[in-house]
Amino acid sequence: MTATPAPSAEGTPYPLVLRTPTYAWWQPAAGLVLLPIAMFIVVPLLLLPLLAATVAADHTGSFSKAFEAAASLDPVSWQGLLYLNLSLAGLTLVTWGIVRFVHGVRPRWLTSVAPGFRWRFFWACFGLSVVAILAQILVGALMPSDPNDLGGSLNHVDATYLALAAVVLFSTPLQAIGEEYVFRGYLMQAFGALTRRPWIAVVASAFLFACAHGVQNAPLFLDRFAFGLMAGYVVLRTGGLEAGIALHVWNNLVAFGLALAIGDIDDTLNVTEVGWSNLPLTITQNGVYLILVLLVAHRMGITSRTTHPVLVAGSPRV
């Protein structure tokens, strides 16, 4: 795709990056249609052969029943979890493709206003994520009834357990990255382009993030909505996805890691309700992380706006 090489103005906030001189209303509209089609139909279908191959390599009894159980995650198997995580991970490439071929903008502008991935800032946020999660655990331990307490003894370790642990360790980060590129990445930029209002982009992407997790009670919805708001606000203030990716990766690894160690991964993956006592933990984690990230971003000189023009595809490389 060749587009006009005229640059957009410098000082553009992250949610408005897609409003280049070649911008047209149909671009984000088309992207918002293509994204769910890819998310719920195209990518899962493309990965079905992988699911079939992994089930065939390790199953007992009827293949059709084993395949159906893995696909529905009932119960959670390493094959089913791998299929789910890679389906979500594949959305990173989908968002890059939409930005490149629908909007005519190089995908690295979806990562940050730098443009591209700011690795030094990411690793700083990766460390801050640990601090935020520890703060959450501490607050939970001080509550009369600790919502973090999974109870029980260590789970039995066998070949199936090790396979599931390997899937969690190696594919869960990719799944978290895919979700961030969808919700804090493309959706924020698409809604920002359509409305020209960054705050609408933050709220809309957070709402869709919570809704995308399916059936859930009010406290669990608010938990996810609050995370989406915090992560979206961090993107707005830091101009990129690095901080959201860092916390999302750690959060999922800790949740699944605890479930593998002393809990039930079926309950963790398919959770539909939590108590209101879970909200103080959410507020603690989000609040501590937000404050620390903003302080570190300021100290590192991280910018929230473009410092040089956003060039569309076909323009000289920046």
C-alpha atoms as a PDB file:
ATOM      1  CA  MET A   1       0.000   0.000   0.000  1.00  0.00           C
ATOM      2  CA  THR A   2       1.388   3.372  -0.999  1.00  0.00           C
ATOM      3  CA  ALA A   3       0.085   6.466   0.740  1.00  0.00           C
ATOM      4  CA  THR A   4       0.765  10.176   0.733  1.00  0.00           C
ATOM      5  CA  PRO A   5       4.052  10.826   2.568  1.00  0.00           C
ATOM      6  CA  ALA A   6       2.801  13.942   4.359  1.00  0.00           C
ATOM      7  CA  PRO A   7       3.441  13.795   8.140  1.00  0.00           C
ATOM      8  CA  SER A   8       0.912  14.415  10.868  1.00  0.00           C
ATOM      9  CA  ALA A   9       1.703  17.068  13.466  1.00  0.00           C
ATOM     10  CA  GLU A  10       4.289  16.471  16.147  1.00  0.00           C
ATOM     11  CA  GLY A  11       3.049  16.296  19.747  1.00  0.00           C
ATOM     12  CA  THR A  12       0.254  13.837  18.948  1.00  0.00           C
ATOM     13  CA  PRO A  13      -0.971  11.781  21.952  1.00  0.00           C
ATOM     14  CA  TYR A  14      -1.007   7.995  21.593  1.00  0.00           C
ATOM     15  CA  PRO A  15      -4.807   7.582  21.063  1.00  0.00           C
ATOM     16  CA  LEU A  16      -4.742  10.019  18.122  1.00  0.00           C
ATOM     17  CA  VAL A  17      -1.743   8.580  16.257  1.00  0.00           C
ATOM     18  CA  LEU A  18      -3.945   7.099  13.513  1.00  0.00           C
ATOM     19  CA  ARG A  19      -5.330  10.514  12.552  1.00  0.00           C
ATOM     20  CA  THR A  20      -2.739  11.039   9.824  1.00  0.00           C
ATOM     21  CA  PRO A  21      -3.301  13.284   6.774  1.00  0.00           C
ATOM     22  CA  THR A  22      -4.569  10.208   4.903  1.00  0.00           C
ATOM     23  CA  TYR A  23      -7.068   9.408   7.671  1.00  0.00           C
ATOM     24  CA  ALA A  24     -10.638   8.585   6.687  1.00  0.00           C
ATOM     25  CA  TRP A  25     -13.522   7.639   8.981  1.00  0.00           C
ATOM     26  CA  TRP A  26     -13.925   4.260   7.302  1.00  0.00           C
ATOM     27  CA  GLN A  27     -10.447   3.119   8.401  1.00  0.00           C
ATOM     28  CA  PRO A  28     -11.142   2.696  12.146  1.00  0.00           C
ATOM     29  CA  ALA A  29     -14.695   1.571  11.289  1.00  0.00           C
ATOM     30  CA  ALA A  30     -13.286  -1.193   9.091  1.00  0.00           C
ATOM     31  CA  GLY A  31     -10.696  -2.074  11.717  1.00  0.00           C
ATOM     32  CA  LEU A  32     -13.359  -2.388  14.418  1.00  0.00           C
ATOM     33  CA  VAL A  33     -15.219  -4.866  12.188  1.00  0.00           C
ATOM     34  CA  LEU A  34     -12.163  -6.846  11.105  1.00  0.00           C
ATOM     35  CA  LEU A  35     -10.724  -7.203  14.601  1.00  0.00           C
ATOM     36  CA  PRO A  36     -13.553  -9.265  16.184  1.00  0.00           C
ATOM     37  CA  ILE A  37     -13.841 -11.363  13.022  1.00  0.00           C
ATOM     38  CA  ALA A  38     -10.151 -12.223  13.302  1.00  0.00           C
ATOM     39  CA  MET A  39     -10.383 -12.632  17.075  1.00  0.00           C
ATOM     40  CA  PHE A  40     -13.359 -14.995  17.223  1.00  0.00           C
ATOM     41  CA  ILE A  41     -13.296 -16.707  13.823  1.00  0.00           C
ATOM     42  CA  VAL A  42     -10.184 -16.437  11.645  1.00  0.00           C
ATOM     43  CA  VAL A  43      -7.347 -16.966  14.134  1.00  0.00           C
ATOM     44  CA  PRO A  44      -9.094 -19.788  16.067  1.00  0.00           C
ATOM     45  CA  LEU A  45      -9.850 -21.583  12.784  1.00  0.00           C
ATOM     46  CA  LEU A  46      -6.261 -21.229  11.566  1.00  0.00           C
ATOM     47  CA  LEU A  47      -4.993 -22.791  14.803  1.00  0.00           C
ATOM     48  CA  LEU A  48      -7.406 -25.740  14.833  1.00  0.00           C
ATOM     49  CA  PRO A  49      -4.854 -28.027  13.066  1.00  0.00           C
ATOM     50  CA  LEU A  50      -2.389 -27.302  15.883  1.00  0.00           C
ATOM     51  CA  LEU A  51      -5.001 -28.206  18.478  1.00  0.00           C
ATOM     52  CA  ALA A  52      -5.827 -31.420  16.613  1.00  0.00           C
ATOM     53  CA  ALA A  53      -2.147 -32.368  16.352  1.00  0.00           C
ATOM     54  CA  THR A  54      -1.441 -31.801  20.058  1.00  0.00           C
ATOM     55  CA  VAL A  55      -4.547 -33.734  21.098  1.00  0.00           C
ATOM     56  CA  ALA A  56      -3.651 -36.600  18.769  1.00  0.00           C
ATOM     57  CA  ALA A  57      -0.145 -36.733  20.209  1.00  0.00           C
ATOM     58  CA  ASP A  58      -1.351 -37.072  23.800  1.00  0.00           C
ATOM     59  CA  HIS A  59      -4.828 -38.464  24.449  1.00  0.00           C
ATOM     60  CA  THR A  60      -6.555 -41.565  25.702  1.00  0.00           C
ATOM     61  CA  GLY A  61      -9.857 -42.946  24.526  1.00  0.00           C
ATOM     62  CA  SER A  62     -11.942 -41.212  21.877  1.00  0.00           C
ATOM     63  CA  PHE A  63     -10.112 -38.564  19.856  1.00  0.00           C
ATOM     64  CA  SER A  64     -13.321 -36.637  19.150  1.00  0.00           C
ATOM     65  CA  LYS A  65     -14.167 -36.413  22.861  1.00  0.00           C
ATOM     66  CA  ALA A  66     -10.636 -35.415  23.748  1.00  0.00           C
ATOM     67  CA  PHE A  67     -10.623 -32.777  21.004  1.00  0.00           C
ATOM     68  CA  GLU A  68     -13.976 -31.372  22.110  1.00  0.00           C
ATOM     69  CA  ALA A  69     -12.854 -31.222  25.737  1.00  0.00           C
ATOM     70  CA  ALA A  70      -9.601 -29.450  24.810  1.00  0.00           C
ATOM     71  CA  ALA A  71     -11.372 -26.932  22.560  1.00  0.00           C
ATOM     72  CA  SER A  72     -13.964 -26.105  25.244  1.00  0.00           C
ATOM     73  CA  LEU A  73     -11.391 -26.086  28.080  1.00  0.00           C
ATOM     74  CA  ASP A  74     -13.616 -28.456  30.057  1.00  0.00           C
ATOM     75  CA  PRO A  75     -11.515 -29.517  31.816  1.00  0.00           C
ATOM     76  CA  VAL A  76      -8.462 -27.311  31.204  1.00  0.00           C
ATOM     77  CA  SER A  77      -5.731 -29.293  29.438  1.00  0.00           C
ATOM     78  CA  TRP A  78      -2.326 -28.200  28.250  1.00  0.00           C
ATOM     79  CA  GLN A  79      -3.525 -28.563  24.656  1.00  0.00           C
ATOM     80  CA  GLY A  80      -6.585 -26.398  25.228  1.00  0.00           C
ATOM     81  CA  LEU A  81      -4.667 -23.733  27.145  1.00  0.00           C
ATOM     82  CA  LEU A  82      -1.985 -23.614  24.452  1.00  0.00           C
ATOM     83  CA  TYR A  83      -4.685 -23.215  21.799  1.00  0.00           C
ATOM     84  CA  LEU A  84      -6.356 -20.391  23.731  1.00  0.00           C
ATOM     85  CA  ASN A  85      -3.125 -18.552  24.490  1.00  0.00           C
ATOM     86  CA  LEU A  86      -1.821 -18.766  20.928  1.00  0.00           C
ATOM     87  CA  SER A  87      -5.200 -17.628  19.580  1.00  0.00           C
ATOM     88  CA  LEU A  88      -4.922 -14.482  21.708  1.00  0.00           C
ATOM     89  CA  ALA A  89      -1.219 -14.090  20.959  1.00  0.00           C
ATOM     90  CA  GLY A  90      -1.989 -14.142  17.248  1.00  0.00           C
ATOM     91  CA  LEU A  91      -3.992 -10.941  17.687  1.00  0.00           C
ATOM     92  CA  THR A  92      -0.722  -9.027  17.963  1.00  0.00           C
ATOM     93  CA  LEU A  93      -0.074  -9.819  14.295  1.00  0.00           C
ATOM     94  CA  VAL A  94      -3.715  -9.044  13.462  1.00  0.00           C
ATOM     95  CA  THR A  95      -3.497  -5.539  14.949  1.00  0.00           C
ATOM     96  CA  TRP A  96      -0.198  -4.922  13.152  1.00  0.00           C
ATOM     97  CA  GLY A  97      -1.816  -5.977   9.886  1.00  0.00           C
ATOM     98  CA  ILE A  98      -4.851  -3.728  10.377  1.00  0.00           C
ATOM     99  CA  VAL A  99      -2.708  -0.716  11.209  1.00  0.00           C
ATOM    100  CA  ARG A 100      -0.423  -1.379   8.237  1.00  0.00           C
ATOM    101  CA  PHE A 101      -2.904  -2.283   5.512  1.00  0.00           C
ATOM    102  CA  VAL A 102      -6.079  -0.470   6.584  1.00  0.00           C
ATOM    103  CA  HIS A 103      -4.587   2.693   8.057  1.00  0.00           C
ATOM    104  CA  GLY A 104      -1.360   2.747   6.083  1.00  0.00           C
ATOM    105  CA  VAL A 105       0.682   3.371   9.252  1.00  0.00           C
ATOM    106  CA  ARG A 106       3.749   1.388  10.257  1.00  0.00           C
ATOM    107  CA  PRO A 107       2.889  -1.009  13.127  1.00  0.00           C
ATOM    108  CA  ARG A 108       5.597   0.312  15.444  1.00  0.00           C
ATOM    109  CA  TRP A 109       3.378   3.380  16.008  1.00  0.00           C
ATOM    110  CA  LEU A 110       0.922   0.989  17.639  1.00  0.00           C
ATOM    111  CA  THR A 111       3.577   0.079  20.208  1.00  0.00           C
ATOM    112  CA  SER A 112       4.495   3.591  21.282  1.00  0.00           C
ATOM    113  CA  VAL A 113       4.940   7.189  20.204  1.00  0.00           C
ATOM    114  CA  ALA A 114       8.714   6.650  20.151  1.00  0.00           C
ATOM    115  CA  PRO A 115       7.882   4.767  17.834  1.00  0.00           C
ATOM    116  CA  GLY A 116       8.669   1.143  18.683  1.00  0.00           C
ATOM    117  CA  PHE A 117       9.212  -0.850  21.868  1.00  0.00           C
ATOM    118  CA  ARG A 118      11.071   1.038  24.605  1.00  0.00           C
ATOM    119  CA  TRP A 119      12.863  -1.886  26.197  1.00  0.00           C
ATOM    120  CA  ARG A 120      14.550  -0.006  29.044  1.00  0.00           C
ATOM    121  CA  PHE A 121      11.219   1.396  30.185  1.00  0.00           C
ATOM    122  CA  PHE A 122       9.587  -2.032  29.825  1.00  0.00           C
ATOM    123  CA  TRP A 123      12.105  -3.752  32.098  1.00  0.00           C
ATOM    124  CA  ALA A 124      11.702  -0.986  34.667  1.00  0.00           C
ATOM    125  CA  CYS A 125       7.934  -1.555  34.596  1.00  0.00           C
ATOM    126  CA  PHE A 126       8.492  -5.303  34.790  1.00  0.00           C
ATOM    127  CA  GLY A 127      10.204  -4.771  38.136  1.00  0.00           C
ATOM    128  CA  LEU A 128       7.529  -2.338  39.330  1.00  0.00           C
ATOM    129  CA  SER A 129       4.887  -4.982  38.562  1.00  0.00           C
ATOM    130  CA  VAL A 130       6.433  -7.245  41.180  1.00  0.00           C
ATOM    131  CA  VAL A 131       6.233  -4.462  43.762  1.00  0.00           C
ATOM    132  CA  ALA A 132       2.559  -3.815  42.927  1.00  0.00           C
ATOM    133  CA  ILE A 133       1.659  -7.508  43.180  1.00  0.00           C
ATOM    134  CA  LEU A 134       3.507  -7.836  46.498  1.00  0.00           C
ATOM    135  CA  ALA A 135       1.586  -4.813  47.807  1.00  0.00           C
ATOM    136  CA  GLN A 136      -1.648  -6.531  46.809  1.00  0.00           C
ATOM    137  CA  ILE A 137      -0.623  -9.745  48.583  1.00  0.00           C
ATOM    138  CA  LEU A 138       0.313  -7.781  51.721  1.00  0.00           C
ATOM    139  CA  VAL A 139      -3.026  -5.977  51.858  1.00  0.00           C
ATOM    140  CA  GLY A 140      -4.836  -9.280  51.367  1.00  0.00           C
ATOM    141  CA  ALA A 141      -2.896 -10.859  54.237  1.00  0.00           C
ATOM    142  CA  LEU A 142      -3.947  -7.989  56.535  1.00  0.00           C
ATOM    143  CA  MET A 143      -7.645  -8.387  55.740  1.00  0.00           C
ATOM    144  CA  PRO A 144      -9.866 -10.433  58.108  1.00  0.00           C
ATOM    145  CA  SER A 145     -10.494 -12.930  55.310  1.00  0.00           C
ATOM    146  CA  ASP A 146      -7.638 -13.029  52.792  1.00  0.00           C
ATOM    147  CA  PRO A 147      -9.052 -13.164  49.227  1.00  0.00           C
ATOM    148  CA  ASN A 148      -5.603 -14.345  48.084  1.00  0.00           C
ATOM    149  CA  ASP A 149      -5.714 -17.445  50.282  1.00  0.00           C
ATOM    150  CA  LEU A 150      -6.164 -20.427  47.994  1.00  0.00           C
ATOM    151  CA  GLY A 151      -5.744 -22.935  50.779  1.00  0.00           C
ATOM    152  CA  GLY A 152      -4.928 -26.577  50.222  1.00  0.00           C
ATOM    153  CA  SER A 153      -1.632 -28.398  49.796  1.00  0.00           C
ATOM    154  CA  LEU A 154       0.806 -28.565  46.918  1.00  0.00           C
ATOM    155  CA  ASN A 155      -0.615 -30.174  43.796  1.00  0.00           C
ATOM    156  CA  HIS A 156       0.720 -33.506  42.542  1.00  0.00           C
ATOM    157  CA  VAL A 157       3.437 -33.213  39.907  1.00  0.00           C
ATOM    158  CA  ASP A 158       3.252 -35.533  36.912  1.00  0.00           C
ATOM    159  CA  ALA A 159       3.856 -35.353  33.152  1.00  0.00           C
ATOM    160  CA  THR A 160       0.525 -33.614  32.520  1.00  0.00           C
ATOM    161  CA  TYR A 161       1.259 -31.074  35.245  1.00  0.00           C
ATOM    162  CA  LEU A 162       4.690 -30.309  33.760  1.00  0.00           C
ATOM    163  CA  ALA A 163       3.210 -29.888  30.271  1.00  0.00           C
ATOM    164  CA  LEU A 164       0.621 -27.447  31.625  1.00  0.00           C
ATOM    165  CA  ALA A 165       3.294 -25.558  33.552  1.00  0.00           C
ATOM    166  CA  ALA A 166       5.418 -25.224  30.391  1.00  0.00           C
ATOM    167  CA  VAL A 167       2.415 -23.871  28.458  1.00  0.00           C
ATOM    168  CA  VAL A 168       1.727 -21.320  31.209  1.00  0.00           C
ATOM    169  CA  LEU A 169       5.348 -20.209  31.380  1.00  0.00           C
ATOM    170  CA  PHE A 170       6.000 -19.834  27.658  1.00  0.00           C
ATOM    171  CA  SER A 171       2.638 -18.908  26.120  1.00  0.00           C
ATOM    172  CA  THR A 172       0.923 -16.855  28.818  1.00  0.00           C
ATOM    173  CA  PRO A 173       3.210 -13.830  28.234  1.00  0.00           C
ATOM    174  CA  LEU A 174       2.349 -13.964  24.518  1.00  0.00           C
ATOM    175  CA  GLN A 175      -1.360 -14.099  25.364  1.00  0.00           C
ATOM    176  CA  ALA A 176      -1.057 -11.039  27.620  1.00  0.00           C
ATOM    177  CA  ILE A 177       0.842  -9.147  24.920  1.00  0.00           C
ATOM    178  CA  GLY A 178      -1.861  -9.971  22.379  1.00  0.00           C
ATOM    179  CA  GLU A 179      -4.589  -8.644  24.664  1.00  0.00           C
ATOM    180  CA  GLU A 180      -2.667  -5.418  25.270  1.00  0.00           C
ATOM    181  CA  TYR A 181      -2.180  -4.818  21.549  1.00  0.00           C
ATOM    182  CA  VAL A 182      -5.932  -5.297  21.060  1.00  0.00           C
ATOM    183  CA  PHE A 183      -7.410  -3.342  23.971  1.00  0.00           C
ATOM    184  CA  ARG A 184      -4.798  -0.762  25.001  1.00  0.00           C
ATOM    185  CA  GLY A 185      -3.367  -0.676  21.491  1.00  0.00           C
ATOM    186  CA  TYR A 186      -5.621  -0.809  18.474  1.00  0.00           C
ATOM    187  CA  LEU A 187      -8.955  -0.170  20.202  1.00  0.00           C
ATOM    188  CA  MET A 188      -7.595   2.907  21.965  1.00  0.00           C
ATOM    189  CA  GLN A 189      -6.198   4.292  18.720  1.00  0.00           C
ATOM    190  CA  ALA A 190      -9.313   3.411  16.724  1.00  0.00           C
ATOM    191  CA  PHE A 191     -11.714   5.051  19.187  1.00  0.00           C
ATOM    192  CA  GLY A 192      -9.320   7.955  19.550  1.00  0.00           C
ATOM    193  CA  ALA A 193      -9.260   8.435  15.785  1.00  0.00           C
ATOM    194  CA  LEU A 194     -13.049   8.271  15.545  1.00  0.00           C
ATOM    195  CA  THR A 195     -13.852  10.610  18.440  1.00  0.00           C
ATOM    196  CA  ARG A 196     -10.701  12.756  18.781  1.00  0.00           C
ATOM    197  CA  ARG A 197     -11.210  12.350  22.538  1.00  0.00           C
ATOM    198  CA  PRO A 198      -8.468  10.354  24.311  1.00  0.00           C
ATOM    199  CA  TRP A 199     -10.595   9.850  27.439  1.00  0.00           C
ATOM    200  CA  ILE A 200     -13.336   8.190  25.385  1.00  0.00           C
ATOM    201  CA  ALA A 201     -10.700   5.855  23.955  1.00  0.00           C
ATOM    202  CA  VAL A 202      -9.539   4.919  27.477  1.00  0.00           C
ATOM    203  CA  VAL A 203     -13.038   4.255  28.833  1.00  0.00           C
ATOM    204  CA  ALA A 204     -14.333   2.430  25.742  1.00  0.00           C
ATOM    205  CA  SER A 205     -11.318   0.106  25.530  1.00  0.00           C
ATOM    206  CA  ALA A 206     -11.531  -0.646  29.280  1.00  0.00           C
ATOM    207  CA  PHE A 207     -15.249  -1.439  28.998  1.00  0.00           C
ATOM    208  CA  LEU A 208     -14.713  -3.800  26.048  1.00  0.00           C
ATOM    209  CA  PHE A 209     -11.778  -5.435  27.867  1.00  0.00           C
ATOM    210  CA  ALA A 210     -14.038  -6.281  30.802  1.00  0.00           C
ATOM    211  CA  CYS A 211     -16.888  -7.442  28.544  1.00  0.00           C
ATOM    212  CA  ALA A 212     -14.560  -9.679  26.508  1.00  0.00           C
ATOM    213  CA  HIS A 213     -14.040 -11.944  29.525  1.00  0.00           C
ATOM    214  CA  GLY A 214     -17.585 -13.265  29.244  1.00  0.00           C
ATOM    215  CA  VAL A 215     -20.030 -14.103  32.024  1.00  0.00           C
ATOM    216  CA  GLN A 216     -19.007 -12.515  35.335  1.00  0.00           C
ATOM    217  CA  ASN A 217     -20.548 -10.973  38.416  1.00  0.00           C
ATOM    218  CA  ALA A 218     -20.406  -7.260  39.241  1.00  0.00           C
ATOM    219  CA  PRO A 219     -17.255  -7.307  41.436  1.00  0.00           C
ATOM    220  CA  LEU A 220     -15.296  -9.280  38.827  1.00  0.00           C
ATOM    221  CA  PHE A 221     -16.464  -6.965  36.032  1.00  0.00           C
ATOM    222  CA  LEU A 222     -15.415  -3.922  38.077  1.00  0.00           C
ATOM    223  CA  ASP A 223     -12.069  -5.593  38.807  1.00  0.00           C
ATOM    224  CA  ARG A 224     -11.339  -6.019  35.099  1.00  0.00           C
ATOM    225  CA  PHE A 225     -12.810  -2.635  34.166  1.00  0.00           C
ATOM    226  CA  ALA A 226     -10.606  -0.958  36.798  1.00  0.00           C
ATOM    227  CA  PHE A 227      -7.522  -2.680  35.402  1.00  0.00           C
ATOM    228  CA  GLY A 228      -8.490  -1.545  31.914  1.00  0.00           C
ATOM    229  CA  LEU A 229      -8.933   2.044  33.064  1.00  0.00           C
ATOM    230  CA  MET A 230      -5.615   2.075  34.889  1.00  0.00           C
ATOM    231  CA  ALA A 231      -3.724   0.448  32.012  1.00  0.00           C
ATOM    232  CA  GLY A 232      -5.378   2.770  29.496  1.00  0.00           C
ATOM    233  CA  TYR A 233      -4.524   5.837  31.557  1.00  0.00           C
ATOM    234  CA  VAL A 234      -0.918   4.648  31.826  1.00  0.00           C
ATOM    235  CA  VAL A 235      -0.804   4.303  28.031  1.00  0.00           C
ATOM    236  CA  LEU A 236      -2.144   7.839  27.713  1.00  0.00           C
ATOM    237  CA  ARG A 237       0.445   9.215  30.159  1.00  0.00           C
ATOM    238  CA  THR A 238       3.431   7.220  28.884  1.00  0.00           C
ATOM    239  CA  GLY A 239       2.561   7.032  25.191  1.00  0.00           C
ATOM    240  CA  GLY A 240       2.986   3.275  24.798  1.00  0.00           C
ATOM    241  CA  LEU A 241       2.029  -0.279  25.720  1.00  0.00           C
ATOM    242  CA  GLU A 242       5.136  -1.289  27.680  1.00  0.00           C
ATOM    243  CA  ALA A 243       3.767  -0.681  31.195  1.00  0.00           C
ATOM    244  CA  GLY A 244       0.461  -2.426  30.504  1.00  0.00           C
ATOM    245  CA  ILE A 245       2.218  -5.414  28.987  1.00  0.00           C
ATOM    246  CA  ALA A 246       4.577  -5.724  31.959  1.00  0.00           C
ATOM    247  CA  LEU A 247       1.834  -5.845  34.596  1.00  0.00           C
ATOM    248  CA  HIS A 248      -0.500  -7.987  32.478  1.00  0.00           C
ATOM    249  CA  VAL A 249       2.229 -10.593  31.957  1.00  0.00           C
ATOM    250  CA  TRP A 250       3.153 -10.720  35.642  1.00  0.00           C
ATOM    251  CA  ASN A 251      -0.467 -10.734  36.787  1.00  0.00           C
ATOM    252  CA  ASN A 252      -1.350 -13.722  34.598  1.00  0.00           C
ATOM    253  CA  LEU A 253       1.824 -15.635  35.419  1.00  0.00           C
ATOM    254  CA  VAL A 254       1.237 -15.220  39.153  1.00  0.00           C
ATOM    255  CA  ALA A 255      -2.444 -16.178  38.908  1.00  0.00           C
ATOM    256  CA  PHE A 256      -1.794 -19.322  36.862  1.00  0.00           C
ATOM    257  CA  GLY A 257       1.368 -20.130  38.793  1.00  0.00           C
ATOM    258  CA  LEU A 258      -0.505 -20.139  42.116  1.00  0.00           C
ATOM    259  CA  ALA A 259      -3.294 -22.185  40.577  1.00  0.00           C
ATOM    260  CA  LEU A 260      -0.783 -24.765  39.361  1.00  0.00           C
ATOM    261  CA  ALA A 261       0.998 -24.879  42.702  1.00  0.00           C
ATOM    262  CA  ILE A 262      -1.792 -24.982  45.276  1.00  0.00           C
ATOM    263  CA  GLY A 263      -5.055 -24.203  43.493  1.00  0.00           C
ATOM    264  CA  ASP A 264      -7.202 -25.341  40.602  1.00  0.00           C
ATOM    265  CA  ILE A 265      -6.379 -24.000  37.158  1.00  0.00           C
ATOM    266  CA  ASP A 266      -9.928 -24.772  35.960  1.00  0.00           C
ATOM    267  CA  ASP A 267     -11.326 -22.401  38.590  1.00  0.00           C
ATOM    268  CA  THR A 268      -8.737 -19.730  37.783  1.00  0.00           C
ATOM    269  CA  LEU A 269      -9.261 -19.769  34.023  1.00  0.00           C
ATOM    270  CA  ASN A 270     -13.037 -20.086  34.122  1.00  0.00           C
ATOM    271  CA  VAL A 271     -13.723 -17.805  37.096  1.00  0.00           C
ATOM    272  CA  THR A 272     -17.088 -16.046  36.786  1.00  0.00           C
ATOM    273  CA  GLU A 273     -17.416 -14.421  40.189  1.00  0.00           C
ATOM    274  CA  VAL A 274     -15.421 -12.950  43.053  1.00  0.00           C
ATOM    275  CA  GLY A 275     -16.443 -11.239  46.272  1.00  0.00           C
ATOM    276  CA  TRP A 276     -16.494  -7.509  46.900  1.00  0.00           C
ATOM    277  CA  SER A 277     -13.518  -8.066  49.211  1.00  0.00           C
ATOM    278  CA  ASN A 278     -11.433  -8.512  46.081  1.00  0.00           C
ATOM    279  CA  LEU A 279     -11.787  -4.818  45.145  1.00  0.00           C
ATOM    280  CA  PRO A 280      -9.376  -3.481  47.825  1.00  0.00           C
ATOM    281  CA  LEU A 281      -6.716  -5.759  46.316  1.00  0.00           C
ATOM    282  CA  THR A 282      -7.440  -4.408  42.841  1.00  0.00           C
ATOM    283  CA  ILE A 283      -7.299  -0.816  44.060  1.00  0.00           C
ATOM    284  CA  THR A 284      -4.014  -1.499  45.845  1.00  0.00           C
ATOM    285  CA  GLN A 285      -2.309  -3.152  42.886  1.00  0.00           C
ATOM    286  CA  ASN A 286      -3.552  -0.630  40.340  1.00  0.00           C
ATOM    287  CA  GLY A 287      -2.887   2.367  42.567  1.00  0.00           C
ATOM    288  CA  VAL A 288       0.636   1.360  43.574  1.00  0.00           C
ATOM    289  CA  TYR A 289       1.541   0.471  40.013  1.00  0.00           C
ATOM    290  CA  LEU A 290       0.120   3.673  38.550  1.00  0.00           C
ATOM    291  CA  ILE A 291       2.026   5.889  40.968  1.00  0.00           C
ATOM    292  CA  LEU A 292       5.309   4.022  40.536  1.00  0.00           C
ATOM    293  CA  VAL A 293       5.097   3.902  36.738  1.00  0.00           C
ATOM    294  CA  LEU A 294       4.357   7.615  36.446  1.00  0.00           C
ATOM    295  CA  LEU A 295       7.255   8.458  38.765  1.00  0.00           C
ATOM    296  CA  VAL A 296       9.685   6.242  36.854  1.00  0.00           C
ATOM    297  CA  ALA A 297       8.422   7.472  33.475  1.00  0.00           C
ATOM    298  CA  HIS A 298       9.027  11.065  34.582  1.00  0.00           C
ATOM    299  CA  ARG A 299      12.489  10.217  35.850  1.00  0.00           C
ATOM    300  CA  MET A 300      13.378   8.394  32.609  1.00  0.00           C
ATOM    301  CA  GLY A 301      12.056  11.225  30.451  1.00  0.00           C
ATOM    302  CA  ILE A 302       9.388   9.041  28.823  1.00  0.00           C
ATOM    303  CA  THR A 303       7.218  11.119  26.521  1.00  0.00           C
ATOM    304  CA  SER A 304       3.479  10.667  26.054  1.00  0.00           C
ATOM    305  CA  ARG A 305       3.385  12.405  22.665  1.00  0.00           C
ATOM    306  CA  THR A 306       5.113  11.993  19.338  1.00  0.00           C
ATOM    307  CA  THR A 307       8.386  13.878  19.156  1.00  0.00           C
ATOM    308  CA  HIS A 308       8.640  13.666  15.376  1.00  0.00           C
ATOM    309  CA  PRO A 309       6.088  13.218  12.590  1.00  0.00           C
ATOM    310  CA  VAL A 310       4.038  10.052  12.142  1.00  0.00           C
ATOM    311  CA  LEU A 311       4.715   9.009   8.561  1.00  0.00           C
ATOM    312  CA  VAL A 312       2.277   6.841   6.678  1.00  0.00           C
ATOM    313  CA  ALA A 313       3.308   3.740   4.735  1.00  0.00           C
ATOM    314  CA  GLY A 314       5.336   4.529   1.657  1.00  0.00           C
ATOM    315  CA  SER A 315       7.027   7.495   3.333  1.00  0.00           C
ATOM    316  CA  PRO A 316      10.750   7.739   4.084  1.00  0.00           C
ATOM    317  CA  ARG A 317      11.609   5.676   7.155  1.00  0.00           C
ATOM    318  CA  VAL A 318      11.715   7.521  10.493  1.00  0.00           C
END
